[in-house]
Amino acid sequence: MSKFKAQIENGRCVACGVCEKTCPREAIRIYKGCYADVNDALCIGCGLCAKACPAAIITRVERIKEEERD
């Protein structure tokens, strides 16, 4: 699993679909035509979605290790 993942700013997504089309792992989906959501299990943190996002609301963030969550 990658050290990074994509994160979308809540409430700012306009559901244009660019990130969904750009993702090589199909880790991003547009829900109900309203917002995009990242499937962390599929995301490889490549950053292609962040580069493609016209609203610049997607960033690459470091994953929190399981042991750090507890």
PDB file of N, CA and C in Angstrom:
ATOM      1  N   MET A   1       0.843  -1.178   0.000  1.00  0.00           N
ATOM      2  CA  MET A   1       0.000   0.000   0.000  1.00  0.00           C
ATOM      3  C   MET A   1       0.886   1.238   0.000  1.00  0.00           C
ATOM      4  N   SER A   2       0.471   2.235  -0.730  1.00  0.00           N
ATOM      5  CA  SER A   2       1.212   3.480  -0.849  1.00  0.00           C
ATOM      6  C   SER A   2       1.228   4.255   0.471  1.00  0.00           C
ATOM      7  N   LYS A   3       2.262   5.046   0.644  1.00  0.00           N
ATOM      8  CA  LYS A   3       2.380   5.891   1.830  1.00  0.00           C
ATOM      9  C   LYS A   3       1.409   7.071   1.750  1.00  0.00           C
ATOM     10  N   PHE A   4       0.946   7.398   0.551  1.00  0.00           N
ATOM     11  CA  PHE A   4       0.061   8.540   0.340  1.00  0.00           C
ATOM     12  C   PHE A   4      -1.301   8.114  -0.203  1.00  0.00           C
ATOM     13  N   LYS A   5      -2.269   9.015  -0.084  1.00  0.00           N
ATOM     14  CA  LYS A   5      -3.598   8.817  -0.647  1.00  0.00           C
ATOM     15  C   LYS A   5      -4.160  10.179  -1.045  1.00  0.00           C
ATOM     16  N   ALA A   6      -5.180  10.172  -1.864  1.00  0.00           N
ATOM     17  CA  ALA A   6      -5.841  11.410  -2.270  1.00  0.00           C
ATOM     18  C   ALA A   6      -6.873  11.799  -1.222  1.00  0.00           C
ATOM     19  N   GLN A   7      -7.015  13.110  -1.046  1.00  0.00           N
ATOM     20  CA  GLN A   7      -8.026  13.626  -0.125  1.00  0.00           C
ATOM     21  C   GLN A   7      -8.732  14.790  -0.806  1.00  0.00           C
ATOM     22  N   ILE A   8     -10.064  14.766  -0.760  1.00  0.00           N
ATOM     23  CA  ILE A   8     -10.870  15.798  -1.404  1.00  0.00           C
ATOM     24  C   ILE A   8     -11.468  16.688  -0.325  1.00  0.00           C
ATOM     25  N   GLU A   9     -11.352  18.001  -0.510  1.00  0.00           N
ATOM     26  CA  GLU A   9     -11.899  18.946   0.466  1.00  0.00           C
ATOM     27  C   GLU A   9     -13.425  18.824   0.511  1.00  0.00           C
ATOM     28  N   ASN A  10     -13.944  18.567   1.690  1.00  0.00           N
ATOM     29  CA  ASN A  10     -15.394  18.418   1.864  1.00  0.00           C
ATOM     30  C   ASN A  10     -16.134  19.691   1.482  1.00  0.00           C
ATOM     31  N   GLY A  11     -17.232  19.512   0.778  1.00  0.00           N
ATOM     32  CA  GLY A  11     -18.103  20.617   0.441  1.00  0.00           C
ATOM     33  C   GLY A  11     -17.666  21.495  -0.716  1.00  0.00           C
ATOM     34  N   ARG A  12     -16.504  21.241  -1.280  1.00  0.00           N
ATOM     35  CA  ARG A  12     -16.029  22.100  -2.371  1.00  0.00           C
ATOM     36  C   ARG A  12     -16.089  21.415  -3.731  1.00  0.00           C
ATOM     37  N   CYS A  13     -16.320  20.120  -3.747  1.00  0.00           N
ATOM     38  CA  CYS A  13     -16.368  19.375  -5.006  1.00  0.00           C
ATOM     39  C   CYS A  13     -17.619  19.748  -5.794  1.00  0.00           C
ATOM     40  N   VAL A  14     -17.430  19.974  -7.096  1.00  0.00           N
ATOM     41  CA  VAL A  14     -18.553  20.306  -7.969  1.00  0.00           C
ATOM     42  C   VAL A  14     -18.950  19.127  -8.856  1.00  0.00           C
ATOM     43  N   ALA A  15     -18.366  17.970  -8.599  1.00  0.00           N
ATOM     44  CA  ALA A  15     -18.703  16.723  -9.295  1.00  0.00           C
ATOM     45  C   ALA A  15     -18.523  16.820 -10.808  1.00  0.00           C
ATOM     46  N   CYS A  16     -17.447  17.446 -11.238  1.00  0.00           N
ATOM     47  CA  CYS A  16     -17.197  17.582 -12.681  1.00  0.00           C
ATOM     48  C   CYS A  16     -16.782  16.249 -13.310  1.00  0.00           C
ATOM     49  N   GLY A  17     -16.213  15.341 -12.508  1.00  0.00           N
ATOM     50  CA  GLY A  17     -15.850  14.021 -13.000  1.00  0.00           C
ATOM     51  C   GLY A  17     -14.446  13.889 -13.562  1.00  0.00           C
ATOM     52  N   VAL A  18     -13.683  14.964 -13.595  1.00  0.00           N
ATOM     53  CA  VAL A  18     -12.332  14.918 -14.152  1.00  0.00           C
ATOM     54  C   VAL A  18     -11.456  13.955 -13.356  1.00  0.00           C
ATOM     55  N   CYS A  19     -11.532  14.015 -12.039  1.00  0.00           N
ATOM     56  CA  CYS A  19     -10.710  13.131 -11.200  1.00  0.00           C
ATOM     57  C   CYS A  19     -11.085  11.664 -11.407  1.00  0.00           C
ATOM     58  N   GLU A  20     -12.360  11.405 -11.526  1.00  0.00           N
ATOM     59  CA  GLU A  20     -12.843  10.038 -11.735  1.00  0.00           C
ATOM     60  C   GLU A  20     -12.294   9.463 -13.042  1.00  0.00           C
ATOM     61  N   LYS A  21     -12.267  10.281 -14.078  1.00  0.00           N
ATOM     62  CA  LYS A  21     -11.765   9.845 -15.373  1.00  0.00           C
ATOM     63  C   LYS A  21     -10.244   9.696 -15.384  1.00  0.00           C
ATOM     64  N   THR A  22      -9.569  10.477 -14.559  1.00  0.00           N
ATOM     65  CA  THR A  22      -8.105  10.499 -14.531  1.00  0.00           C
ATOM     66  C   THR A  22      -7.504   9.373 -13.696  1.00  0.00           C
ATOM     67  N   CYS A  23      -8.197   8.928 -12.683  1.00  0.00           N
ATOM     68  CA  CYS A  23      -7.651   7.935 -11.755  1.00  0.00           C
ATOM     69  C   CYS A  23      -7.364   6.595 -12.442  1.00  0.00           C
ATOM     70  N   PRO A  24      -6.109   6.133 -12.403  1.00  0.00           N
ATOM     71  CA  PRO A  24      -5.761   4.873 -13.063  1.00  0.00           C
ATOM     72  C   PRO A  24      -6.270   3.629 -12.333  1.00  0.00           C
ATOM     73  N   ARG A  25      -6.662   3.791 -11.082  1.00  0.00           N
ATOM     74  CA  ARG A  25      -7.132   2.645 -10.279  1.00  0.00           C
ATOM     75  C   ARG A  25      -8.632   2.657 -10.038  1.00  0.00           C
ATOM     76  N   GLU A  26      -9.341   3.621 -10.633  1.00  0.00           N
ATOM     77  CA  GLU A  26     -10.791   3.764 -10.433  1.00  0.00           C
ATOM     78  C   GLU A  26     -11.126   3.889  -8.950  1.00  0.00           C
ATOM     79  N   ALA A  27     -10.298   4.641  -8.227  1.00  0.00           N
ATOM     80  CA  ALA A  27     -10.472   4.814  -6.787  1.00  0.00           C
ATOM     81  C   ALA A  27     -11.391   5.982  -6.437  1.00  0.00           C
ATOM     82  N   ILE A  28     -11.765   6.774  -7.434  1.00  0.00           N
ATOM     83  CA  ILE A  28     -12.627   7.932  -7.183  1.00  0.00           C
ATOM     84  C   ILE A  28     -13.937   7.742  -7.923  1.00  0.00           C
ATOM     85  N   ARG A  29     -15.019   8.010  -7.225  1.00  0.00           N
ATOM     86  CA  ARG A  29     -16.357   7.903  -7.803  1.00  0.00           C
ATOM     87  C   ARG A  29     -17.144   9.172  -7.509  1.00  0.00           C
ATOM     88  N   ILE A  30     -17.975   9.573  -8.453  1.00  0.00           N
ATOM     89  CA  ILE A  30     -18.889  10.682  -8.251  1.00  0.00           C
ATOM     90  C   ILE A  30     -20.194  10.086  -7.727  1.00  0.00           C
ATOM     91  N   TYR A  31     -20.657  10.578  -6.597  1.00  0.00           N
ATOM     92  CA  TYR A  31     -21.877  10.067  -5.983  1.00  0.00           C
ATOM     93  C   TYR A  31     -23.043  11.025  -6.165  1.00  0.00           C
ATOM     94  N   LYS A  32     -24.133  10.484  -6.660  1.00  0.00           N
ATOM     95  CA  LYS A  32     -25.393  11.203  -6.826  1.00  0.00           C
ATOM     96  C   LYS A  32     -25.220  12.514  -7.593  1.00  0.00           C
ATOM     97  N   GLY A  33     -24.194  12.583  -8.427  1.00  0.00           N
ATOM     98  CA  GLY A  33     -23.952  13.783  -9.205  1.00  0.00           C
ATOM     99  C   GLY A  33     -23.601  15.003  -8.371  1.00  0.00           C
ATOM    100  N   CYS A  34     -23.221  14.764  -7.105  1.00  0.00           N
ATOM    101  CA  CYS A  34     -22.999  15.880  -6.179  1.00  0.00           C
ATOM    102  C   CYS A  34     -21.569  16.031  -5.683  1.00  0.00           C
ATOM    103  N   TYR A  35     -20.867  14.926  -5.468  1.00  0.00           N
ATOM    104  CA  TYR A  35     -19.523  15.015  -4.895  1.00  0.00           C
ATOM    105  C   TYR A  35     -18.703  13.776  -5.244  1.00  0.00           C
ATOM    106  N   ALA A  36     -17.396  13.934  -5.150  1.00  0.00           N
ATOM    107  CA  ALA A  36     -16.482  12.823  -5.401  1.00  0.00           C
ATOM    108  C   ALA A  36     -16.029  12.239  -4.068  1.00  0.00           C
ATOM    109  N   ASP A  37     -15.760  10.943  -4.084  1.00  0.00           N
ATOM    110  CA  ASP A  37     -15.287  10.257  -2.889  1.00  0.00           C
ATOM    111  C   ASP A  37     -14.155   9.314  -3.289  1.00  0.00           C
ATOM    112  N   VAL A  38     -13.148   9.218  -2.421  1.00  0.00           N
ATOM    113  CA  VAL A  38     -11.980   8.380  -2.680  1.00  0.00           C
ATOM    114  C   VAL A  38     -12.103   7.068  -1.906  1.00  0.00           C
ATOM    115  N   ASN A  39     -11.900   5.965  -2.603  1.00  0.00           N
ATOM    116  CA  ASN A  39     -11.831   4.659  -1.961  1.00  0.00           C
ATOM    117  C   ASN A  39     -10.371   4.463  -1.553  1.00  0.00           C
ATOM    118  N   ASP A  40     -10.089   4.610  -0.266  1.00  0.00           N
ATOM    119  CA  ASP A  40      -8.714   4.540   0.230  1.00  0.00           C
ATOM    120  C   ASP A  40      -8.043   3.202  -0.066  1.00  0.00           C
ATOM    121  N   ALA A  41      -8.823   2.135  -0.129  1.00  0.00           N
ATOM    122  CA  ALA A  41      -8.259   0.813  -0.385  1.00  0.00           C
ATOM    123  C   ALA A  41      -7.728   0.690  -1.816  1.00  0.00           C
ATOM    124  N   LEU A  42      -8.292   1.442  -2.736  1.00  0.00           N
ATOM    125  CA  LEU A  42      -7.866   1.391  -4.132  1.00  0.00           C
ATOM    126  C   LEU A  42      -6.854   2.466  -4.497  1.00  0.00           C
ATOM    127  N   CYS A  43      -6.867   3.572  -3.766  1.00  0.00           N
ATOM    128  CA  CYS A  43      -6.012   4.721  -4.089  1.00  0.00           C
ATOM    129  C   CYS A  43      -4.536   4.381  -3.871  1.00  0.00           C
ATOM    130  N   ILE A  44      -3.710   4.715  -4.873  1.00  0.00           N
ATOM    131  CA  ILE A  44      -2.264   4.470  -4.769  1.00  0.00           C
ATOM    132  C   ILE A  44      -1.485   5.757  -4.509  1.00  0.00           C
ATOM    133  N   GLY A  45      -2.192   6.868  -4.352  1.00  0.00           N
ATOM    134  CA  GLY A  45      -1.547   8.134  -4.018  1.00  0.00           C
ATOM    135  C   GLY A  45      -0.668   8.706  -5.110  1.00  0.00           C
ATOM    136  N   CYS A  46      -0.998   8.435  -6.354  1.00  0.00           N
ATOM    137  CA  CYS A  46      -0.161   8.890  -7.473  1.00  0.00           C
ATOM    138  C   CYS A  46      -0.233  10.397  -7.703  1.00  0.00           C
ATOM    139  N   GLY A  47      -1.343  11.021  -7.312  1.00  0.00           N
ATOM    140  CA  GLY A  47      -1.485  12.460  -7.466  1.00  0.00           C
ATOM    141  C   GLY A  47      -2.032  12.924  -8.796  1.00  0.00           C
ATOM    142  N   LEU A  48      -2.343  12.006  -9.707  1.00  0.00           N
ATOM    143  CA  LEU A  48      -2.871  12.403 -11.005  1.00  0.00           C
ATOM    144  C   LEU A  48      -4.200  13.139 -10.882  1.00  0.00           C
ATOM    145  N   CYS A  49      -5.030  12.722  -9.957  1.00  0.00           N
ATOM    146  CA  CYS A  49      -6.321  13.388  -9.755  1.00  0.00           C
ATOM    147  C   CYS A  49      -6.122  14.815  -9.257  1.00  0.00           C
ATOM    148  N   ALA A  50      -5.173  15.001  -8.358  1.00  0.00           N
ATOM    149  CA  ALA A  50      -4.894  16.335  -7.821  1.00  0.00           C
ATOM    150  C   ALA A  50      -4.408  17.276  -8.916  1.00  0.00           C
ATOM    151  N   LYS A  51      -3.577  16.771  -9.803  1.00  0.00           N
ATOM    152  CA  LYS A  51      -3.074  17.584 -10.910  1.00  0.00           C
ATOM    153  C   LYS A  51      -4.190  17.929 -11.896  1.00  0.00           C
ATOM    154  N   ALA A  52      -5.137  17.026 -12.076  1.00  0.00           N
ATOM    155  CA  ALA A  52      -6.199  17.219 -13.060  1.00  0.00           C
ATOM    156  C   ALA A  52      -7.378  18.040 -12.541  1.00  0.00           C
ATOM    157  N   CYS A  53      -7.553  18.114 -11.234  1.00  0.00           N
ATOM    158  CA  CYS A  53      -8.722  18.778 -10.656  1.00  0.00           C
ATOM    159  C   CYS A  53      -8.751  20.269 -11.009  1.00  0.00           C
ATOM    160  N   PRO A  54      -9.775  20.715 -11.754  1.00  0.00           N
ATOM    161  CA  PRO A  54      -9.849  22.128 -12.129  1.00  0.00           C
ATOM    162  C   PRO A  54     -10.129  23.056 -10.945  1.00  0.00           C
ATOM    163  N   ALA A  55     -10.695  22.522  -9.882  1.00  0.00           N
ATOM    164  CA  ALA A  55     -10.991  23.330  -8.696  1.00  0.00           C
ATOM    165  C   ALA A  55      -9.841  23.317  -7.688  1.00  0.00           C
ATOM    166  N   ALA A  56      -8.823  22.506  -7.943  1.00  0.00           N
ATOM    167  CA  ALA A  56      -7.648  22.395  -7.063  1.00  0.00           C
ATOM    168  C   ALA A  56      -8.030  22.074  -5.620  1.00  0.00           C
ATOM    169  N   ILE A  57      -8.939  21.107  -5.447  1.00  0.00           N
ATOM    170  CA  ILE A  57      -9.382  20.752  -4.102  1.00  0.00           C
ATOM    171  C   ILE A  57      -8.948  19.349  -3.679  1.00  0.00           C
ATOM    172  N   ILE A  58      -8.114  18.715  -4.488  1.00  0.00           N
ATOM    173  CA  ILE A  58      -7.607  17.385  -4.150  1.00  0.00           C
ATOM    174  C   ILE A  58      -6.130  17.506  -3.801  1.00  0.00           C
ATOM    175  N   THR A  59      -5.758  16.893  -2.696  1.00  0.00           N
ATOM    176  CA  THR A  59      -4.360  16.894  -2.274  1.00  0.00           C
ATOM    177  C   THR A  59      -3.914  15.471  -1.965  1.00  0.00           C
ATOM    178  N   ARG A  60      -2.612  15.273  -2.011  1.00  0.00           N
ATOM    179  CA  ARG A  60      -2.029  13.995  -1.576  1.00  0.00           C
ATOM    180  C   ARG A  60      -1.670  14.151  -0.106  1.00  0.00           C
ATOM    181  N   VAL A  61      -2.135  13.236   0.703  1.00  0.00           N
ATOM    182  CA  VAL A  61      -1.825  13.270   2.130  1.00  0.00           C
ATOM    183  C   VAL A  61      -1.204  11.950   2.549  1.00  0.00           C
ATOM    184  N   GLU A  62      -0.437  11.999   3.603  1.00  0.00           N
ATOM    185  CA  GLU A  62       0.185  10.789   4.107  1.00  0.00           C
ATOM    186  C   GLU A  62      -0.855   9.949   4.837  1.00  0.00           C
ATOM    187  N   ARG A  63      -0.816   8.668   4.590  1.00  0.00           N
ATOM    188  CA  ARG A  63      -1.740   7.757   5.274  1.00  0.00           C
ATOM    189  C   ARG A  63      -1.369   7.662   6.752  1.00  0.00           C
ATOM    190  N   ILE A  64      -2.369   7.541   7.598  1.00  0.00           N
ATOM    191  CA  ILE A  64      -2.137   7.317   9.016  1.00  0.00           C
ATOM    192  C   ILE A  64      -1.984   5.823   9.215  1.00  0.00           C
ATOM    193  N   LYS A  65      -0.912   5.443   9.865  1.00  0.00           N
ATOM    194  CA  LYS A  65      -0.678   4.024  10.115  1.00  0.00           C
ATOM    195  C   LYS A  65      -1.716   3.496  11.092  1.00  0.00           C
ATOM    196  N   GLU A  66      -2.088   2.252  10.915  1.00  0.00           N
ATOM    197  CA  GLU A  66      -3.099   1.623  11.768  1.00  0.00           C
ATOM    198  C   GLU A  66      -2.787   1.774  13.256  1.00  0.00           C
ATOM    199  N   GLU A  67      -1.516   1.587  13.622  1.00  0.00           N
ATOM    200  CA  GLU A  67      -1.152   1.660  15.041  1.00  0.00           C
ATOM    201  C   GLU A  67      -1.254   3.084  15.592  1.00  0.00           C
ATOM    202  N   GLU A  68      -1.188   4.110  14.728  1.00  0.00           N
ATOM    203  CA  GLU A  68      -1.301   5.495  15.173  1.00  0.00           C
ATOM    204  C   GLU A  68      -2.745   5.891  15.424  1.00  0.00           C
ATOM    205  N   ARG A  69      -3.703   5.180  14.842  1.00  0.00           N
ATOM    206  CA  ARG A  69      -5.122   5.498  15.019  1.00  0.00           C
ATOM    207  C   ARG A  69      -5.633   5.134  16.399  1.00  0.00           C
ATOM    208  N   ASP A  70      -5.052   4.095  16.992  1.00  0.00           N
ATOM    209  CA  ASP A  70      -5.548   3.598  18.288  1.00  0.00           C
ATOM    210  C   ASP A  70      -5.120   4.433  19.449  1.00  0.00           C
TER     211      ASP A  70
END
